Amino acid sequence: MADADVLIAGAGPAGLVLACDLARRGVAVRIVEANPAPPDHRSGSRGKGIQPRTLEVYDDLGIIDAVHESGGAYFPALAWDGPKPIGPAKFHRIEKREPTPDVPYPSMWMLLQPRALDILRARLQELGGRVEFGTRLVSFTQDADGVTASLQHADGRGETLRARYLAGCDGARGVVRAGIGVEFA
């Protein structure tokens, strides 16, 4: 018997999108994040450009309105050759384009990653889930029926969890990648 259908290690964009999608389909999910708290908006952002196809995923998850309310179109940028300006920068899909049935969100959208994560966490909570901050995946083993994971909570308490599946969304230096022997090229 599994404690969860899916254990997701890592509560960044990939882990949260996966958790939301599974939760809305009635899949029992636990999502753990080693960091003790969500990223702080004042500490900067690892990313801020939301790609058109990601906007389609956000629409499907029911968060596109919040994404649009919290972000904005890209500002024009100037390309430079050292100290000399050479003209408008040509970023992929930043220029405003009209939506079509095949491409409903044709332009990139600017939204700081911490805010996007806030929106995804709020949606996960609406779906009955939550991120377990300060909970780190320490190790795992796999057998024919699933995965046994060892977790370490911020208070020092250990936990053994049984899941049908483990999703490694814990990044390039994550426990999952190392545990299955996949190198980050």
C-alpha atoms as a PDB file:
ATOM      1  CA  MET A   1       0.000   0.000   0.000  1.00  0.00           C
ATOM      2  CA  ALA A   2       1.376   3.399  -0.967  1.00  0.00           C
ATOM      3  CA  ASP A   3       1.233   6.503   1.246  1.00  0.00           C
ATOM      4  CA  ALA A   4       0.894   8.583  -1.934  1.00  0.00           C
ATOM      5  CA  ASP A   5       0.439   7.827  -5.587  1.00  0.00           C
ATOM      6  CA  VAL A   6       3.193  10.280  -6.513  1.00  0.00           C
ATOM      7  CA  LEU A   7       5.964  11.863  -4.453  1.00  0.00           C
ATOM      8  CA  ILE A   8       7.304  14.995  -6.128  1.00  0.00           C
ATOM      9  CA  ALA A   9      10.755  16.120  -5.023  1.00  0.00           C
ATOM     10  CA  GLY A  10      11.109  19.851  -5.705  1.00  0.00           C
ATOM     11  CA  ALA A  11       8.563  22.676  -5.664  1.00  0.00           C
ATOM     12  CA  GLY A  12       9.883  24.805  -8.499  1.00  0.00           C
ATOM     13  CA  PRO A  13       7.887  25.431 -11.675  1.00  0.00           C
ATOM     14  CA  ALA A  14       8.064  21.835 -12.950  1.00  0.00           C
ATOM     15  CA  GLY A  15       7.148  20.248  -9.616  1.00  0.00           C
ATOM     16  CA  LEU A  16       4.263  22.630  -8.971  1.00  0.00           C
ATOM     17  CA  VAL A  17       2.787  22.287 -12.464  1.00  0.00           C
ATOM     18  CA  LEU A  18       2.944  18.507 -12.123  1.00  0.00           C
ATOM     19  CA  ALA A  19       1.409  18.611  -8.628  1.00  0.00           C
ATOM     20  CA  CYS A  20      -1.465  20.826  -9.820  1.00  0.00           C
ATOM     21  CA  ASP A  21      -2.157  18.668 -12.845  1.00  0.00           C
ATOM     22  CA  LEU A  22      -2.166  15.442 -10.832  1.00  0.00           C
ATOM     23  CA  ALA A  23      -4.190  16.899  -7.954  1.00  0.00           C
ATOM     24  CA  ARG A  24      -6.946  18.130 -10.261  1.00  0.00           C
ATOM     25  CA  ARG A  25      -7.208  14.580 -11.603  1.00  0.00           C
ATOM     26  CA  GLY A  26      -7.639  13.103  -8.133  1.00  0.00           C
ATOM     27  CA  VAL A  27      -4.138  11.639  -7.841  1.00  0.00           C
ATOM     28  CA  ALA A  28      -2.789  11.545  -4.260  1.00  0.00           C
ATOM     29  CA  VAL A  29       0.332  13.729  -4.367  1.00  0.00           C
ATOM     30  CA  ARG A  30       2.941  14.828  -1.852  1.00  0.00           C
ATOM     31  CA  ILE A  31       5.314  17.562  -2.917  1.00  0.00           C
ATOM     32  CA  VAL A  32       8.401  18.166  -0.796  1.00  0.00           C
ATOM     33  CA  GLU A  33      10.862  21.036  -0.988  1.00  0.00           C
ATOM     34  CA  ALA A  34      14.198  21.137   0.832  1.00  0.00           C
ATOM     35  CA  ASN A  35      14.214  24.934   1.112  1.00  0.00           C
ATOM     36  CA  PRO A  36      12.602  26.092   4.359  1.00  0.00           C
ATOM     37  CA  ALA A  37      10.357  28.691   2.707  1.00  0.00           C
ATOM     38  CA  PRO A  38       9.231  29.907  -0.722  1.00  0.00           C
ATOM     39  CA  PRO A  39      11.626  32.171  -2.624  1.00  0.00           C
ATOM     40  CA  ASP A  40      11.481  35.792  -1.519  1.00  0.00           C
ATOM     41  CA  HIS A  41      10.368  38.310  -4.144  1.00  0.00           C
ATOM     42  CA  ARG A  42      13.044  40.759  -2.974  1.00  0.00           C
ATOM     43  CA  SER A  43      15.891  38.297  -3.501  1.00  0.00           C
ATOM     44  CA  GLY A  44      15.625  38.384  -7.269  1.00  0.00           C
ATOM     45  CA  SER A  45      14.308  35.959  -9.810  1.00  0.00           C
ATOM     46  CA  ARG A  46      15.878  33.039 -11.624  1.00  0.00           C
ATOM     47  CA  GLY A  47      13.516  33.602 -14.524  1.00  0.00           C
ATOM     48  CA  LYS A  48      10.924  36.046 -15.691  1.00  0.00           C
ATOM     49  CA  GLY A  49       9.992  35.178 -19.263  1.00  0.00           C
ATOM     50  CA  ILE A  50       6.947  32.939 -19.605  1.00  0.00           C
ATOM     51  CA  GLN A  51       6.944  31.216 -22.988  1.00  0.00           C
ATOM     52  CA  PRO A  52       3.764  31.022 -25.113  1.00  0.00           C
ATOM     53  CA  ARG A  53       3.349  27.263 -24.653  1.00  0.00           C
ATOM     54  CA  THR A  54       3.766  27.640 -20.889  1.00  0.00           C
ATOM     55  CA  LEU A  55       0.962  30.210 -20.978  1.00  0.00           C
ATOM     56  CA  GLU A  56      -1.209  27.531 -22.613  1.00  0.00           C
ATOM     57  CA  VAL A  57      -0.388  25.155 -19.753  1.00  0.00           C
ATOM     58  CA  TYR A  58      -1.230  27.874 -17.229  1.00  0.00           C
ATOM     59  CA  ASP A  59      -4.543  28.447 -19.020  1.00  0.00           C
ATOM     60  CA  ASP A  60      -5.297  24.721 -18.837  1.00  0.00           C
ATOM     61  CA  LEU A  61      -4.495  24.732 -15.096  1.00  0.00           C
ATOM     62  CA  GLY A  62      -6.905  27.626 -14.545  1.00  0.00           C
ATOM     63  CA  ILE A  63      -4.349  30.266 -13.534  1.00  0.00           C
ATOM     64  CA  ILE A  64      -3.990  32.347 -16.705  1.00  0.00           C
ATOM     65  CA  ASP A  65      -6.016  35.266 -15.309  1.00  0.00           C
ATOM     66  CA  ALA A  66      -3.787  35.477 -12.221  1.00  0.00           C
ATOM     67  CA  VAL A  67      -0.690  35.250 -14.443  1.00  0.00           C
ATOM     68  CA  HIS A  68      -1.937  38.081 -16.649  1.00  0.00           C
ATOM     69  CA  GLU A  69      -2.913  40.216 -13.637  1.00  0.00           C
ATOM     70  CA  SER A  70       0.518  39.733 -12.038  1.00  0.00           C
ATOM     71  CA  GLY A  71       2.745  40.208 -15.072  1.00  0.00           C
ATOM     72  CA  GLY A  72       3.034  42.255 -18.220  1.00  0.00           C
ATOM     73  CA  ALA A  73       4.307  42.449 -21.749  1.00  0.00           C
ATOM     74  CA  TYR A  74       8.039  42.742 -22.305  1.00  0.00           C
ATOM     75  CA  PHE A  75       9.437  46.225 -22.662  1.00  0.00           C
ATOM     76  CA  PRO A  76      11.385  47.030 -25.831  1.00  0.00           C
ATOM     77  CA  ALA A  77      15.107  46.419 -25.426  1.00  0.00           C
ATOM     78  CA  LEU A  78      18.169  47.834 -27.125  1.00  0.00           C
ATOM     79  CA  ALA A  79      21.036  45.642 -28.370  1.00  0.00           C
ATOM     80  CA  TRP A  80      24.595  46.845 -27.798  1.00  0.00           C
ATOM     81  CA  ASP A  81      27.994  46.114 -29.274  1.00  0.00           C
ATOM     82  CA  GLY A  82      30.182  47.092 -26.372  1.00  0.00           C
ATOM     83  CA  PRO A  83      29.484  50.786 -25.742  1.00  0.00           C
ATOM     84  CA  LYS A  84      27.704  51.280 -29.095  1.00  0.00           C
ATOM     85  CA  PRO A  85      23.918  50.811 -29.443  1.00  0.00           C
ATOM     86  CA  ILE A  86      23.113  48.810 -32.596  1.00  0.00           C
ATOM     87  CA  GLY A  87      19.310  48.842 -32.605  1.00  0.00           C
ATOM     88  CA  PRO A  88      16.280  47.072 -31.191  1.00  0.00           C
ATOM     89  CA  ALA A  89      17.012  43.698 -29.622  1.00  0.00           C
ATOM     90  CA  LYS A  90      15.363  40.819 -31.418  1.00  0.00           C
ATOM     91  CA  PHE A  91      14.222  38.445 -28.702  1.00  0.00           C
ATOM     92  CA  HIS A  92      12.217  35.428 -29.703  1.00  0.00           C
ATOM     93  CA  ARG A  93       8.479  36.128 -29.466  1.00  0.00           C
ATOM     94  CA  ILE A  94       8.682  39.288 -27.397  1.00  0.00           C
ATOM     95  CA  GLU A  95       7.076  41.455 -30.036  1.00  0.00           C
ATOM     96  CA  LYS A  96       3.304  41.709 -29.785  1.00  0.00           C
ATOM     97  CA  ARG A  97       1.460  39.306 -32.086  1.00  0.00           C
ATOM     98  CA  GLU A  98      -2.235  38.641 -32.485  1.00  0.00           C
ATOM     99  CA  PRO A  99      -3.621  35.392 -31.049  1.00  0.00           C
ATOM    100  CA  THR A 100      -4.910  32.685 -33.364  1.00  0.00           C
ATOM    101  CA  PRO A 101      -6.864  29.490 -32.597  1.00  0.00           C
ATOM    102  CA  ASP A 102      -3.638  27.489 -32.972  1.00  0.00           C
ATOM    103  CA  VAL A 103      -1.506  29.932 -30.965  1.00  0.00           C
ATOM    104  CA  PRO A 104      -3.705  31.610 -28.339  1.00  0.00           C
ATOM    105  CA  TYR A 105      -0.744  33.202 -26.530  1.00  0.00           C
ATOM    106  CA  PRO A 106       1.689  34.234 -29.273  1.00  0.00           C
ATOM    107  CA  SER A 107       3.965  36.487 -27.222  1.00  0.00           C
ATOM    108  CA  MET A 108       6.152  35.948 -24.180  1.00  0.00           C
ATOM    109  CA  TRP A 109       4.860  37.325 -20.883  1.00  0.00           C
ATOM    110  CA  MET A 110       6.999  38.856 -18.170  1.00  0.00           C
ATOM    111  CA  LEU A 111       6.349  37.479 -14.689  1.00  0.00           C
ATOM    112  CA  LEU A 112       8.959  37.038 -11.988  1.00  0.00           C
ATOM    113  CA  GLN A 113       9.436  33.393 -11.044  1.00  0.00           C
ATOM    114  CA  PRO A 114       8.668  33.889  -7.322  1.00  0.00           C
ATOM    115  CA  ARG A 115       5.265  35.353  -8.255  1.00  0.00           C
ATOM    116  CA  ALA A 116       4.567  32.535 -10.728  1.00  0.00           C
ATOM    117  CA  LEU A 117       5.377  30.047  -7.952  1.00  0.00           C
ATOM    118  CA  ASP A 118       2.993  31.881  -5.594  1.00  0.00           C
ATOM    119  CA  ILE A 119       0.217  31.499  -8.162  1.00  0.00           C
ATOM    120  CA  LEU A 120       0.951  27.804  -8.684  1.00  0.00           C
ATOM    121  CA  ARG A 121       1.036  27.143  -4.913  1.00  0.00           C
ATOM    122  CA  ALA A 122      -2.301  28.921  -4.506  1.00  0.00           C
ATOM    123  CA  ARG A 123      -3.815  26.755  -7.247  1.00  0.00           C
ATOM    124  CA  LEU A 124      -2.408  23.615  -5.630  1.00  0.00           C
ATOM    125  CA  GLN A 125      -3.984  24.661  -2.333  1.00  0.00           C
ATOM    126  CA  GLU A 126      -7.353  25.174  -4.092  1.00  0.00           C
ATOM    127  CA  LEU A 127      -6.990  21.608  -5.331  1.00  0.00           C
ATOM    128  CA  GLY A 128      -6.368  20.314  -1.800  1.00  0.00           C
ATOM    129  CA  GLY A 129      -2.571  20.069  -1.898  1.00  0.00           C
ATOM    130  CA  ARG A 130       0.295  21.911  -0.284  1.00  0.00           C
ATOM    131  CA  VAL A 131       4.059  22.135  -0.508  1.00  0.00           C
ATOM    132  CA  GLU A 132       5.952  20.636   2.428  1.00  0.00           C
ATOM    133  CA  PHE A 133       8.747  23.182   2.832  1.00  0.00           C
ATOM    134  CA  GLY A 134      11.785  22.180   4.877  1.00  0.00           C
ATOM    135  CA  THR A 135      11.308  18.549   3.865  1.00  0.00           C
ATOM    136  CA  ARG A 136      14.194  17.035   1.976  1.00  0.00           C
ATOM    137  CA  LEU A 137      14.343  13.811   0.002  1.00  0.00           C
ATOM    138  CA  VAL A 138      17.412  12.053   1.401  1.00  0.00           C
ATOM    139  CA  SER A 139      17.361   8.783  -0.524  1.00  0.00           C
ATOM    140  CA  PHE A 140      15.075   6.331  -2.251  1.00  0.00           C
ATOM    141  CA  THR A 141      14.902   2.763  -3.485  1.00  0.00           C
ATOM    142  CA  GLN A 142      12.717   1.342  -6.203  1.00  0.00           C
ATOM    143  CA  ASP A 143      11.117  -2.062  -6.549  1.00  0.00           C
ATOM    144  CA  ALA A 144       8.503  -3.545  -8.884  1.00  0.00           C
ATOM    145  CA  ASP A 145       5.626  -1.932  -6.961  1.00  0.00           C
ATOM    146  CA  GLY A 146       6.935   1.561  -6.378  1.00  0.00           C
ATOM    147  CA  VAL A 147       9.417   3.657  -4.443  1.00  0.00           C
ATOM    148  CA  THR A 148      10.410   3.848  -0.799  1.00  0.00           C
ATOM    149  CA  ALA A 149      11.692   7.323   0.047  1.00  0.00           C
ATOM    150  CA  SER A 150      13.521   8.620   3.088  1.00  0.00           C
ATOM    151  CA  LEU A 151      12.592  12.186   3.997  1.00  0.00           C
ATOM    152  CA  GLN A 152      14.210  14.569   6.477  1.00  0.00           C
ATOM    153  CA  HIS A 153      12.024  17.290   7.997  1.00  0.00           C
ATOM    154  CA  ALA A 154      13.349  20.665   9.165  1.00  0.00           C
ATOM    155  CA  ASP A 155      12.808  19.675  12.808  1.00  0.00           C
ATOM    156  CA  GLY A 156      15.205  16.746  12.318  1.00  0.00           C
ATOM    157  CA  ARG A 157      12.469  14.128  12.193  1.00  0.00           C
ATOM    158  CA  GLY A 158      12.924  11.397   9.610  1.00  0.00           C
ATOM    159  CA  GLU A 159      10.111   9.784   7.651  1.00  0.00           C
ATOM    160  CA  THR A 160       9.863   6.787   5.385  1.00  0.00           C
ATOM    161  CA  LEU A 161       7.287   7.182   2.638  1.00  0.00           C
ATOM    162  CA  ARG A 162       5.970   4.672   0.159  1.00  0.00           C
ATOM    163  CA  ALA A 163       4.807   5.970  -3.239  1.00  0.00           C
ATOM    164  CA  ARG A 164       3.829   4.376  -6.507  1.00  0.00           C
ATOM    165  CA  TYR A 165       5.956   6.928  -8.389  1.00  0.00           C
ATOM    166  CA  LEU A 166       8.704   9.447  -7.655  1.00  0.00           C
ATOM    167  CA  ALA A 167       9.006  12.569  -9.820  1.00  0.00           C
ATOM    168  CA  GLY A 168      12.441  14.178  -9.733  1.00  0.00           C
ATOM    169  CA  CYS A 169      11.811  17.924 -10.032  1.00  0.00           C
ATOM    170  CA  ASP A 170      14.630  18.753  -7.643  1.00  0.00           C
ATOM    171  CA  GLY A 171      17.040  20.234 -10.167  1.00  0.00           C
ATOM    172  CA  ALA A 172      20.423  19.505 -11.669  1.00  0.00           C
ATOM    173  CA  ARG A 173      22.035  18.677  -8.316  1.00  0.00           C
ATOM    174  CA  GLY A 174      18.978  16.859  -7.000  1.00  0.00           C
ATOM    175  CA  VAL A 175      18.849  13.568  -5.164  1.00  0.00           C
ATOM    176  CA  VAL A 176      16.685  11.938  -7.828  1.00  0.00           C
ATOM    177  CA  ARG A 177      19.059  12.655 -10.716  1.00  0.00           C
ATOM    178  CA  ALA A 178      22.032  11.382  -8.709  1.00  0.00           C
ATOM    179  CA  GLY A 179      20.085   8.378  -7.439  1.00  0.00           C
ATOM    180  CA  ILE A 180      19.276   7.121 -10.917  1.00  0.00           C
ATOM    181  CA  GLY A 181      22.690   7.986 -12.320  1.00  0.00           C
ATOM    182  CA  VAL A 182      21.640  10.661 -14.812  1.00  0.00           C
ATOM    183  CA  GLU A 183      24.350  13.251 -15.366  1.00  0.00           C
ATOM    184  CA  PHE A 184      23.593  16.902 -16.003  1.00  0.00           C
ATOM    185  CA  ALA A 185      25.320  17.736 -19.276  1.00  0.00           C
END
